[in-house]
Amino acid sequence: MATEHRILMCRRSVLGVLSGRKTETRRLKEPPWQPGDLLWMGEAWRTMDDWDTLSPREMLCDAEYAGMLPIRYEADEIGQRPSLCDGRTRPGMFLPKALARPLRLKVLDVHSEQLQSISEASALAEGLEPREEYWSNPSNPCVYYVLPGEPRANPKATYSYPIDAYRAWWGELRPKPGQRWEDNPRVWVTQWEIVNG
């Protein structure tokens, strides 16, 4: 039987997974999972502001709320109307498994490599979104790459090559010396396929 693990994900990563484009990730520490294990996404979330004083455990243990807990994930809030879930945002590390999305990521491979050895295909598998624009020639589209969840009209966040886009994303997440792109740290790569929970 497969072991299940939480994998913490930022909003961009969640959007990449939900789109089906993100099928791998790079982390600085060796993960506790192995091929065959299942991952569930620990992501930022919120519930009703009336429950802001309750811990996640209290929410799940209170029989009055069992099975009725409204939840909204931060990644789902982009362009959405306000909802009943207007409480404080809680980090993914505090999302109980029982409240996580039902999809699971089945681990296919885990290996280590230097960060800068990422290939174009692997950069795309990190969830980057290819887009086409017809700026100057309607018969010849220009393909560029953006980070997951990036608004359409943001020319400063467009990249000609997948590795350039991934480099920018890594810099956004890992600005500390020793972790930066230019430091070329050793990373652990996890590859998966999406399965229903």
N, C-alpha and C. Protein backbone atom coordinates (compact mmCIF):
# COMPACT_ATOMS: atom_id res chain seq x y z
N MET A 1 0.84 -1.18 0.00
CA MET A 1 0.00 0.00 0.00
C MET A 1 0.88 1.25 0.00
N ALA A 2 0.53 2.22 -0.81
CA ALA A 2 1.32 3.45 -0.94
C ALA A 2 1.18 4.31 0.31
N THR A 3 2.28 4.94 0.69
CA THR A 3 2.27 5.88 1.80
C THR A 3 1.90 7.25 1.26
N GLU A 4 1.10 8.01 2.01
CA GLU A 4 0.72 9.35 1.59
C GLU A 4 1.53 10.39 2.37
N HIS A 5 1.94 11.44 1.67
CA HIS A 5 2.72 12.53 2.26
C HIS A 5 2.14 13.86 1.80
N ARG A 6 2.28 14.85 2.66
CA ARG A 6 1.93 16.22 2.26
C ARG A 6 3.12 16.80 1.49
N ILE A 7 2.82 17.51 0.41
CA ILE A 7 3.83 18.28 -0.30
C ILE A 7 3.36 19.74 -0.29
N LEU A 8 4.15 20.60 0.33
CA LEU A 8 3.78 22.01 0.40
C LEU A 8 3.94 22.65 -0.97
N MET A 9 2.94 23.42 -1.37
CA MET A 9 2.98 24.07 -2.67
C MET A 9 2.48 25.50 -2.57
N CYS A 10 3.17 26.37 -3.30
CA CYS A 10 2.73 27.76 -3.39
C CYS A 10 1.58 27.84 -4.41
N ARG A 11 0.95 28.98 -4.46
CA ARG A 11 -0.20 29.18 -5.37
C ARG A 11 0.16 28.86 -6.81
N ARG A 12 1.31 29.34 -7.29
CA ARG A 12 1.70 29.08 -8.68
C ARG A 12 1.84 27.58 -8.94
N SER A 13 2.44 26.86 -8.00
CA SER A 13 2.61 25.41 -8.18
C SER A 13 1.26 24.70 -8.24
N VAL A 14 0.36 25.09 -7.34
CA VAL A 14 -0.98 24.48 -7.35
C VAL A 14 -1.66 24.72 -8.69
N LEU A 15 -1.57 25.95 -9.19
CA LEU A 15 -2.18 26.25 -10.49
C LEU A 15 -1.56 25.40 -11.60
N GLY A 16 -0.25 25.19 -11.54
CA GLY A 16 0.41 24.34 -12.53
C GLY A 16 -0.08 22.91 -12.46
N VAL A 17 -0.24 22.38 -11.24
CA VAL A 17 -0.75 21.01 -11.08
C VAL A 17 -2.19 20.91 -11.60
N LEU A 18 -3.02 21.87 -11.21
CA LEU A 18 -4.43 21.82 -11.63
C LEU A 18 -4.60 21.93 -13.14
N SER A 19 -3.67 22.63 -13.80
CA SER A 19 -3.73 22.75 -15.26
C SER A 19 -3.24 21.48 -15.95
N GLY A 20 -2.56 20.61 -15.19
CA GLY A 20 -1.99 19.40 -15.77
C GLY A 20 -0.60 19.59 -16.32
N ARG A 21 -0.08 20.82 -16.25
CA ARG A 21 1.26 21.09 -16.80
C ARG A 21 2.38 20.78 -15.81
N LYS A 22 2.13 20.93 -14.52
CA LYS A 22 3.19 20.71 -13.53
C LYS A 22 3.20 19.24 -13.13
N THR A 23 4.28 18.55 -13.50
CA THR A 23 4.42 17.13 -13.19
C THR A 23 5.75 16.84 -12.50
N GLU A 24 6.43 17.89 -12.08
CA GLU A 24 7.66 17.69 -11.30
C GLU A 24 7.97 18.94 -10.50
N THR A 25 8.83 18.75 -9.50
CA THR A 25 9.25 19.87 -8.66
C THR A 25 10.69 19.65 -8.22
N ARG A 26 11.35 20.73 -7.87
CA ARG A 26 12.71 20.70 -7.36
C ARG A 26 12.71 21.28 -5.96
N ARG A 27 13.35 20.57 -5.04
CA ARG A 27 13.43 20.99 -3.64
C ARG A 27 14.88 20.90 -3.18
N LEU A 28 15.20 21.70 -2.17
CA LEU A 28 16.57 21.73 -1.66
C LEU A 28 16.87 20.58 -0.70
N LYS A 29 15.85 20.01 -0.10
CA LYS A 29 16.06 18.91 0.85
C LYS A 29 15.55 17.60 0.28
N GLU A 30 16.19 16.53 0.69
CA GLU A 30 15.76 15.21 0.22
C GLU A 30 14.36 14.93 0.75
N PRO A 31 13.43 14.58 -0.13
CA PRO A 31 12.05 14.34 0.32
C PRO A 31 11.92 12.98 1.00
N PRO A 32 10.89 12.82 1.85
CA PRO A 32 10.68 11.55 2.55
C PRO A 32 9.94 10.51 1.71
N TRP A 33 9.52 10.86 0.51
CA TRP A 33 8.74 9.92 -0.30
C TRP A 33 9.63 9.19 -1.30
N GLN A 34 9.04 8.17 -1.90
CA GLN A 34 9.75 7.36 -2.89
C GLN A 34 8.76 6.97 -3.98
N PRO A 35 9.25 6.46 -5.11
CA PRO A 35 8.33 6.06 -6.18
C PRO A 35 7.23 5.13 -5.67
N GLY A 36 6.01 5.41 -6.12
CA GLY A 36 4.84 4.64 -5.70
C GLY A 36 4.04 5.34 -4.61
N ASP A 37 4.68 6.23 -3.84
CA ASP A 37 3.96 6.96 -2.79
C ASP A 37 3.01 7.98 -3.41
N LEU A 38 2.04 8.42 -2.63
CA LEU A 38 1.07 9.42 -3.07
C LEU A 38 1.30 10.72 -2.30
N LEU A 39 1.20 11.85 -3.00
CA LEU A 39 1.35 13.16 -2.39
C LEU A 39 0.03 13.89 -2.43
N TRP A 40 -0.29 14.62 -1.37
CA TRP A 40 -1.44 15.50 -1.37
C TRP A 40 -0.93 16.91 -1.12
N MET A 41 -1.59 17.88 -1.74
CA MET A 41 -1.08 19.25 -1.74
C MET A 41 -1.46 20.00 -0.47
N GLY A 42 -0.44 20.47 0.23
CA GLY A 42 -0.63 21.40 1.34
C GLY A 42 -0.54 22.80 0.74
N GLU A 43 -1.64 23.50 0.69
CA GLU A 43 -1.69 24.81 0.05
C GLU A 43 -2.41 25.80 0.94
N ALA A 44 -2.20 27.07 0.69
CA ALA A 44 -2.86 28.12 1.47
C ALA A 44 -4.37 28.00 1.32
N TRP A 45 -5.08 28.24 2.43
CA TRP A 45 -6.53 28.04 2.45
C TRP A 45 -7.16 28.97 3.47
N ARG A 46 -8.46 29.04 3.41
CA ARG A 46 -9.22 29.83 4.38
C ARG A 46 -10.61 29.24 4.54
N THR A 47 -11.26 29.64 5.61
CA THR A 47 -12.63 29.24 5.84
C THR A 47 -13.39 30.49 6.31
N MET A 48 -14.52 30.32 6.95
CA MET A 48 -15.32 31.47 7.38
C MET A 48 -14.61 32.24 8.50
N ASP A 49 -14.79 33.55 8.51
CA ASP A 49 -14.11 34.35 9.54
C ASP A 49 -14.62 34.02 10.94
N ASP A 50 -15.82 33.48 11.07
CA ASP A 50 -16.33 33.06 12.38
C ASP A 50 -15.44 31.98 13.01
N TRP A 51 -14.69 31.27 12.18
CA TRP A 51 -13.87 30.16 12.66
C TRP A 51 -12.39 30.51 12.73
N ASP A 52 -12.06 31.79 12.58
CA ASP A 52 -10.65 32.21 12.61
C ASP A 52 -9.95 31.88 13.93
N THR A 53 -10.70 31.79 15.02
CA THR A 53 -10.08 31.51 16.31
C THR A 53 -9.88 30.01 16.55
N LEU A 54 -10.48 29.18 15.70
CA LEU A 54 -10.34 27.74 15.86
C LEU A 54 -9.09 27.23 15.14
N SER A 55 -8.46 26.23 15.74
CA SER A 55 -7.35 25.56 15.07
C SER A 55 -7.95 24.58 14.06
N PRO A 56 -7.17 24.15 13.07
CA PRO A 56 -7.70 23.15 12.14
C PRO A 56 -8.19 21.89 12.86
N ARG A 57 -7.49 21.48 13.89
CA ARG A 57 -7.91 20.29 14.64
C ARG A 57 -9.27 20.51 15.29
N GLU A 58 -9.46 21.70 15.87
CA GLU A 58 -10.75 22.00 16.49
C GLU A 58 -11.87 22.00 15.45
N MET A 59 -11.58 22.50 14.27
CA MET A 59 -12.59 22.50 13.21
C MET A 59 -13.02 21.09 12.87
N LEU A 60 -12.03 20.19 12.76
CA LEU A 60 -12.33 18.82 12.35
C LEU A 60 -12.93 17.99 13.48
N CYS A 61 -12.58 18.30 14.71
CA CYS A 61 -13.05 17.50 15.84
C CYS A 61 -14.43 17.91 16.35
N ASP A 62 -14.80 19.13 16.07
CA ASP A 62 -16.10 19.59 16.57
C ASP A 62 -17.21 18.95 15.73
N ALA A 63 -18.03 18.15 16.38
CA ALA A 63 -19.07 17.41 15.67
C ALA A 63 -20.03 18.34 14.94
N GLU A 64 -20.20 19.56 15.44
CA GLU A 64 -21.12 20.50 14.81
C GLU A 64 -20.64 20.87 13.40
N TYR A 65 -19.31 20.88 13.20
CA TYR A 65 -18.76 21.29 11.91
C TYR A 65 -18.37 20.12 11.02
N ALA A 66 -18.35 18.93 11.58
CA ALA A 66 -17.89 17.77 10.82
C ALA A 66 -18.65 17.63 9.51
N GLY A 67 -17.93 17.56 8.43
CA GLY A 67 -18.52 17.39 7.11
C GLY A 67 -19.18 18.61 6.53
N MET A 68 -19.17 19.72 7.27
CA MET A 68 -19.85 20.93 6.78
C MET A 68 -18.88 22.10 6.63
N LEU A 69 -17.62 21.86 6.80
CA LEU A 69 -16.66 22.95 6.82
C LEU A 69 -16.45 23.53 5.43
N PRO A 70 -16.89 24.77 5.20
CA PRO A 70 -16.61 25.38 3.90
C PRO A 70 -15.14 25.78 3.85
N ILE A 71 -14.53 25.53 2.73
CA ILE A 71 -13.11 25.84 2.57
C ILE A 71 -12.87 26.44 1.19
N ARG A 72 -11.92 27.33 1.13
CA ARG A 72 -11.54 27.93 -0.15
C ARG A 72 -10.02 27.94 -0.20
N TYR A 73 -9.48 27.48 -1.32
CA TYR A 73 -8.03 27.44 -1.50
C TYR A 73 -7.58 28.73 -2.17
N GLU A 74 -6.43 29.24 -1.74
CA GLU A 74 -5.92 30.50 -2.29
C GLU A 74 -5.80 30.45 -3.81
N ALA A 75 -5.38 29.34 -4.34
CA ALA A 75 -5.22 29.23 -5.80
C ALA A 75 -6.53 29.37 -6.55
N ASP A 76 -7.65 29.11 -5.89
CA ASP A 76 -8.96 29.22 -6.53
C ASP A 76 -9.51 30.64 -6.51
N GLU A 77 -8.84 31.55 -5.80
CA GLU A 77 -9.39 32.89 -5.60
C GLU A 77 -9.10 33.85 -6.74
N ILE A 78 -8.26 33.48 -7.66
CA ILE A 78 -7.89 34.38 -8.74
C ILE A 78 -9.09 34.67 -9.61
N GLY A 79 -9.48 35.93 -9.66
CA GLY A 79 -10.60 36.34 -10.50
C GLY A 79 -11.96 35.88 -10.02
N GLN A 80 -12.05 35.40 -8.79
CA GLN A 80 -13.32 34.90 -8.27
C GLN A 80 -14.01 35.97 -7.42
N ARG A 81 -15.31 35.84 -7.32
CA ARG A 81 -16.08 36.73 -6.45
C ARG A 81 -15.80 36.36 -4.99
N PRO A 82 -15.99 37.29 -4.09
CA PRO A 82 -15.86 36.95 -2.66
C PRO A 82 -16.85 35.84 -2.30
N SER A 83 -16.47 35.05 -1.33
CA SER A 83 -17.34 33.94 -0.92
C SER A 83 -17.54 33.98 0.58
N LEU A 84 -18.25 33.00 1.09
CA LEU A 84 -18.43 32.89 2.54
C LEU A 84 -17.10 32.65 3.25
N CYS A 85 -16.14 32.12 2.53
CA CYS A 85 -14.83 31.81 3.11
C CYS A 85 -13.95 33.05 3.09
N ASP A 86 -14.28 33.99 3.96
CA ASP A 86 -13.54 35.26 3.97
C ASP A 86 -12.67 35.40 5.21
N GLY A 87 -12.38 34.28 5.87
CA GLY A 87 -11.51 34.30 7.04
C GLY A 87 -10.05 34.50 6.66
N ARG A 88 -9.21 34.42 7.65
CA ARG A 88 -7.78 34.66 7.42
C ARG A 88 -7.17 33.53 6.58
N THR A 89 -6.16 33.90 5.82
CA THR A 89 -5.45 32.89 5.03
C THR A 89 -4.56 32.08 5.96
N ARG A 90 -4.62 30.77 5.81
CA ARG A 90 -3.81 29.86 6.62
C ARG A 90 -2.80 29.17 5.70
N PRO A 91 -1.56 29.02 6.17
CA PRO A 91 -0.53 28.36 5.35
C PRO A 91 -0.86 26.89 5.09
N GLY A 92 -0.34 26.38 3.98
CA GLY A 92 -0.56 24.99 3.60
C GLY A 92 -0.05 23.98 4.61
N MET A 93 0.94 24.38 5.42
CA MET A 93 1.46 23.45 6.42
C MET A 93 0.42 23.14 7.50
N PHE A 94 -0.64 23.96 7.58
CA PHE A 94 -1.70 23.72 8.56
C PHE A 94 -2.99 23.18 7.93
N LEU A 95 -2.92 22.83 6.65
CA LEU A 95 -4.10 22.25 6.00
C LEU A 95 -4.19 20.77 6.36
N PRO A 96 -5.26 20.37 7.05
CA PRO A 96 -5.40 18.94 7.37
C PRO A 96 -5.65 18.13 6.09
N LYS A 97 -5.16 16.92 6.08
CA LYS A 97 -5.35 16.03 4.93
C LYS A 97 -6.83 15.88 4.58
N ALA A 98 -7.67 15.86 5.61
CA ALA A 98 -9.11 15.70 5.39
C ALA A 98 -9.72 16.87 4.62
N LEU A 99 -9.05 18.01 4.62
CA LEU A 99 -9.56 19.19 3.91
C LEU A 99 -8.83 19.45 2.59
N ALA A 100 -7.85 18.63 2.29
CA ALA A 100 -7.08 18.81 1.05
C ALA A 100 -7.92 18.43 -0.17
N ARG A 101 -7.51 18.90 -1.32
CA ARG A 101 -8.18 18.50 -2.57
C ARG A 101 -8.10 16.98 -2.70
N PRO A 102 -9.07 16.38 -3.36
CA PRO A 102 -9.08 14.91 -3.46
C PRO A 102 -8.05 14.34 -4.43
N LEU A 103 -7.45 15.16 -5.26
CA LEU A 103 -6.48 14.60 -6.20
C LEU A 103 -5.18 14.25 -5.49
N ARG A 104 -4.49 13.26 -6.01
CA ARG A 104 -3.20 12.83 -5.46
C ARG A 104 -2.18 12.81 -6.58
N LEU A 105 -0.92 12.96 -6.19
CA LEU A 105 0.20 12.92 -7.12
C LEU A 105 0.97 11.64 -6.84
N LYS A 106 0.98 10.73 -7.80
CA LYS A 106 1.69 9.46 -7.62
C LYS A 106 3.15 9.65 -8.03
N VAL A 107 4.05 9.44 -7.08
CA VAL A 107 5.48 9.65 -7.32
C VAL A 107 6.00 8.60 -8.30
N LEU A 108 6.61 9.09 -9.38
CA LEU A 108 7.20 8.20 -10.39
C LEU A 108 8.71 8.07 -10.23
N ASP A 109 9.35 9.17 -9.83
CA ASP A 109 10.81 9.17 -9.73
C ASP A 109 11.26 10.24 -8.75
N VAL A 110 12.35 9.96 -8.05
CA VAL A 110 13.00 10.93 -7.18
C VAL A 110 14.50 10.80 -7.43
N HIS A 111 15.13 11.91 -7.80
CA HIS A 111 16.58 11.88 -8.01
C HIS A 111 17.18 13.25 -7.71
N SER A 112 18.49 13.29 -7.62
CA SER A 112 19.20 14.51 -7.28
C SER A 112 20.02 14.99 -8.49
N GLU A 113 20.11 16.31 -8.63
CA GLU A 113 20.90 16.91 -9.71
C GLU A 113 21.23 18.35 -9.34
N GLN A 114 22.15 18.95 -10.07
CA GLN A 114 22.44 20.37 -9.88
C GLN A 114 21.29 21.17 -10.50
N LEU A 115 20.91 22.25 -9.86
CA LEU A 115 19.78 23.05 -10.30
C LEU A 115 19.89 23.46 -11.77
N GLN A 116 21.06 23.95 -12.17
CA GLN A 116 21.21 24.49 -13.52
C GLN A 116 21.27 23.41 -14.60
N SER A 117 21.22 22.14 -14.22
CA SER A 117 21.21 21.08 -15.24
C SER A 117 19.79 20.81 -15.75
N ILE A 118 18.82 21.61 -15.32
CA ILE A 118 17.43 21.43 -15.77
C ILE A 118 17.35 21.55 -17.29
N SER A 119 16.59 20.67 -17.91
CA SER A 119 16.40 20.71 -19.37
C SER A 119 15.19 21.58 -19.71
N GLU A 120 15.05 21.92 -20.98
CA GLU A 120 13.88 22.68 -21.43
C GLU A 120 12.60 21.91 -21.11
N ALA A 121 12.61 20.60 -21.36
CA ALA A 121 11.42 19.78 -21.09
C ALA A 121 11.09 19.77 -19.60
N SER A 122 12.10 19.68 -18.76
CA SER A 122 11.86 19.69 -17.32
C SER A 122 11.38 21.05 -16.84
N ALA A 123 11.90 22.12 -17.42
CA ALA A 123 11.42 23.46 -17.07
C ALA A 123 9.93 23.58 -17.39
N LEU A 124 9.53 23.06 -18.53
CA LEU A 124 8.10 23.06 -18.89
C LEU A 124 7.30 22.20 -17.92
N ALA A 125 7.87 21.05 -17.52
CA ALA A 125 7.18 20.15 -16.59
C ALA A 125 7.05 20.74 -15.19
N GLU A 126 7.74 21.85 -14.93
CA GLU A 126 7.57 22.56 -13.66
C GLU A 126 6.28 23.38 -13.66
N GLY A 127 5.56 23.38 -14.78
CA GLY A 127 4.25 24.03 -14.83
C GLY A 127 4.19 25.31 -15.63
N LEU A 128 5.27 25.65 -16.33
CA LEU A 128 5.26 26.88 -17.13
C LEU A 128 4.19 26.82 -18.20
N GLU A 129 3.67 27.99 -18.51
CA GLU A 129 2.59 28.07 -19.49
C GLU A 129 3.09 28.68 -20.79
N PRO A 130 3.08 27.90 -21.89
CA PRO A 130 3.43 28.49 -23.18
C PRO A 130 2.25 29.29 -23.72
N ARG A 131 2.54 30.44 -24.27
CA ARG A 131 1.48 31.27 -24.88
C ARG A 131 1.94 31.73 -26.24
N GLU A 132 0.97 31.99 -27.10
CA GLU A 132 1.26 32.50 -28.44
C GLU A 132 0.66 33.89 -28.58
N GLU A 133 1.39 34.76 -29.23
CA GLU A 133 0.89 36.10 -29.54
C GLU A 133 1.22 36.39 -31.01
N TYR A 134 0.39 37.18 -31.62
CA TYR A 134 0.58 37.55 -33.03
C TYR A 134 0.84 39.06 -33.08
N TRP A 135 1.96 39.49 -32.50
CA TRP A 135 2.22 40.91 -32.37
C TRP A 135 2.41 41.63 -33.70
N SER A 136 3.31 41.15 -34.51
CA SER A 136 3.62 41.89 -35.73
C SER A 136 3.22 41.16 -37.00
N ASN A 137 3.05 39.85 -36.92
CA ASN A 137 2.75 39.08 -38.12
C ASN A 137 1.66 38.05 -37.81
N PRO A 138 0.45 38.27 -38.29
CA PRO A 138 -0.66 37.35 -37.98
C PRO A 138 -0.42 35.91 -38.42
N SER A 139 0.47 35.69 -39.37
CA SER A 139 0.71 34.32 -39.84
C SER A 139 1.89 33.66 -39.13
N ASN A 140 2.59 34.40 -38.28
CA ASN A 140 3.76 33.86 -37.61
C ASN A 140 3.70 34.18 -36.11
N PRO A 141 3.12 33.27 -35.30
CA PRO A 141 2.98 33.57 -33.88
C PRO A 141 4.31 33.57 -33.15
N CYS A 142 4.39 34.37 -32.13
CA CYS A 142 5.54 34.41 -31.25
C CYS A 142 5.19 33.59 -30.01
N VAL A 143 5.97 32.57 -29.71
CA VAL A 143 5.72 31.74 -28.54
C VAL A 143 6.60 32.25 -27.41
N TYR A 144 5.99 32.42 -26.24
CA TYR A 144 6.76 32.81 -25.06
C TYR A 144 6.22 32.03 -23.87
N TYR A 145 6.89 32.14 -22.74
CA TYR A 145 6.54 31.33 -21.57
C TYR A 145 6.32 32.23 -20.36
N VAL A 146 5.34 31.85 -19.55
CA VAL A 146 5.03 32.60 -18.33
C VAL A 146 4.90 31.63 -17.16
N LEU A 147 4.99 32.17 -15.95
CA LEU A 147 4.82 31.37 -14.75
C LEU A 147 3.34 31.05 -14.57
N PRO A 148 3.01 29.95 -13.92
CA PRO A 148 1.60 29.61 -13.71
C PRO A 148 0.86 30.74 -13.00
N GLY A 149 -0.34 31.05 -13.49
CA GLY A 149 -1.17 32.07 -12.87
C GLY A 149 -0.82 33.49 -13.24
N GLU A 150 0.11 33.69 -14.13
CA GLU A 150 0.51 35.05 -14.52
C GLU A 150 -0.57 35.67 -15.39
N PRO A 151 -0.97 36.91 -15.07
CA PRO A 151 -1.98 37.58 -15.92
C PRO A 151 -1.48 37.69 -17.36
N ARG A 152 -2.42 37.75 -18.27
CA ARG A 152 -2.08 37.77 -19.70
C ARG A 152 -1.27 38.99 -20.10
N ALA A 153 -1.63 40.13 -19.61
CA ALA A 153 -0.97 41.37 -20.07
C ALA A 153 0.12 41.81 -19.10
N ASN A 154 1.19 41.07 -19.02
CA ASN A 154 2.32 41.45 -18.17
C ASN A 154 3.61 41.17 -18.93
N PRO A 155 4.01 42.07 -19.84
CA PRO A 155 5.18 41.81 -20.67
C PRO A 155 6.48 41.64 -19.89
N LYS A 156 6.55 42.16 -18.66
CA LYS A 156 7.77 42.00 -17.85
C LYS A 156 7.92 40.57 -17.36
N ALA A 157 6.86 39.79 -17.39
CA ALA A 157 6.90 38.42 -16.88
C ALA A 157 6.84 37.39 -18.00
N THR A 158 7.27 37.77 -19.20
CA THR A 158 7.29 36.82 -20.32
C THR A 158 8.74 36.47 -20.63
N TYR A 159 8.95 35.24 -21.04
CA TYR A 159 10.30 34.74 -21.29
C TYR A 159 10.32 33.98 -22.61
N SER A 160 11.41 34.14 -23.34
CA SER A 160 11.53 33.48 -24.64
C SER A 160 11.83 31.99 -24.52
N TYR A 161 12.43 31.60 -23.42
CA TYR A 161 12.83 30.20 -23.24
C TYR A 161 12.33 29.68 -21.89
N PRO A 162 11.91 28.41 -21.84
CA PRO A 162 11.41 27.85 -20.58
C PRO A 162 12.41 27.95 -19.42
N ILE A 163 13.68 27.71 -19.70
CA ILE A 163 14.66 27.75 -18.61
C ILE A 163 14.78 29.16 -18.04
N ASP A 164 14.66 30.19 -18.88
CA ASP A 164 14.69 31.57 -18.37
C ASP A 164 13.50 31.84 -17.45
N ALA A 165 12.34 31.34 -17.83
CA ALA A 165 11.15 31.52 -17.00
C ALA A 165 11.32 30.78 -15.68
N TYR A 166 11.84 29.56 -15.73
CA TYR A 166 12.03 28.81 -14.50
C TYR A 166 13.08 29.47 -13.60
N ARG A 167 14.13 29.99 -14.20
CA ARG A 167 15.16 30.70 -13.43
C ARG A 167 14.54 31.87 -12.66
N ALA A 168 13.65 32.62 -13.30
CA ALA A 168 12.98 33.74 -12.64
C ALA A 168 12.10 33.24 -11.50
N TRP A 169 11.38 32.15 -11.72
CA TRP A 169 10.51 31.59 -10.68
C TRP A 169 11.34 31.12 -9.49
N TRP A 170 12.45 30.42 -9.77
CA TRP A 170 13.32 29.96 -8.68
C TRP A 170 13.83 31.16 -7.87
N GLY A 171 14.21 32.23 -8.57
CA GLY A 171 14.69 33.43 -7.88
C GLY A 171 13.62 34.07 -7.01
N GLU A 172 12.38 33.97 -7.44
CA GLU A 172 11.25 34.49 -6.67
C GLU A 172 11.07 33.69 -5.38
N LEU A 173 11.30 32.39 -5.45
CA LEU A 173 11.10 31.51 -4.30
C LEU A 173 12.33 31.36 -3.41
N ARG A 174 13.51 31.47 -3.98
CA ARG A 174 14.75 31.17 -3.26
C ARG A 174 15.78 32.29 -3.41
N PRO A 175 15.60 33.41 -2.71
CA PRO A 175 16.53 34.53 -2.86
C PRO A 175 17.76 34.48 -1.95
N LYS A 176 17.83 33.50 -1.02
CA LYS A 176 18.93 33.46 -0.05
C LYS A 176 20.21 32.93 -0.68
N PRO A 177 21.38 33.48 -0.27
CA PRO A 177 22.66 32.95 -0.74
C PRO A 177 22.76 31.46 -0.45
N GLY A 178 23.31 30.73 -1.39
CA GLY A 178 23.43 29.28 -1.28
C GLY A 178 22.24 28.55 -1.88
N GLN A 179 21.12 29.26 -2.05
CA GLN A 179 19.92 28.66 -2.63
C GLN A 179 19.58 29.24 -3.99
N ARG A 180 20.24 30.33 -4.35
CA ARG A 180 19.91 31.06 -5.58
C ARG A 180 20.30 30.26 -6.82
N TRP A 181 19.72 30.66 -7.94
CA TRP A 181 20.03 30.03 -9.22
C TRP A 181 21.53 30.09 -9.50
N GLU A 182 22.11 31.27 -9.31
CA GLU A 182 23.53 31.44 -9.63
C GLU A 182 24.44 30.62 -8.72
N ASP A 183 23.94 30.17 -7.56
CA ASP A 183 24.72 29.31 -6.67
C ASP A 183 24.68 27.85 -7.12
N ASN A 184 23.77 27.53 -8.01
CA ASN A 184 23.63 26.18 -8.58
C ASN A 184 23.62 25.09 -7.51
N PRO A 185 22.68 25.18 -6.55
CA PRO A 185 22.65 24.17 -5.49
C PRO A 185 22.21 22.80 -6.00
N ARG A 186 22.55 21.78 -5.22
CA ARG A 186 22.06 20.44 -5.51
C ARG A 186 20.59 20.40 -5.09
N VAL A 187 19.73 19.86 -5.94
CA VAL A 187 18.29 19.81 -5.67
C VAL A 187 17.79 18.37 -5.82
N TRP A 188 16.64 18.13 -5.21
CA TRP A 188 15.97 16.84 -5.33
C TRP A 188 14.77 17.03 -6.24
N VAL A 189 14.72 16.24 -7.28
CA VAL A 189 13.65 16.32 -8.27
C VAL A 189 12.65 15.20 -8.01
N THR A 190 11.39 15.58 -7.92
CA THR A 190 10.30 14.60 -7.79
C THR A 190 9.42 14.73 -9.02
N GLN A 191 9.17 13.61 -9.67
CA GLN A 191 8.28 13.57 -10.83
C GLN A 191 7.06 12.72 -10.47
N TRP A 192 5.90 13.13 -10.99
CA TRP A 192 4.66 12.43 -10.63
C TRP A 192 3.67 12.42 -11.78
N GLU A 193 2.62 11.64 -11.57
CA GLU A 193 1.44 11.70 -12.41
C GLU A 193 0.26 11.97 -11.49
N ILE A 194 -0.74 12.66 -12.02
CA ILE A 194 -1.90 13.01 -11.21
C ILE A 194 -2.90 11.86 -11.24
N VAL A 195 -3.36 11.49 -10.04
CA VAL A 195 -4.37 10.44 -9.92
C VAL A 195 -5.48 10.97 -9.00
N ASN A 196 -6.65 10.40 -9.09
CA ASN A 196 -7.74 10.81 -8.20
C ASN A 196 -7.51 10.19 -6.83
N GLY A 197 -7.90 10.92 -5.79
CA GLY A 197 -7.68 10.48 -4.41
C GLY A 197 -8.66 9.44 -3.95
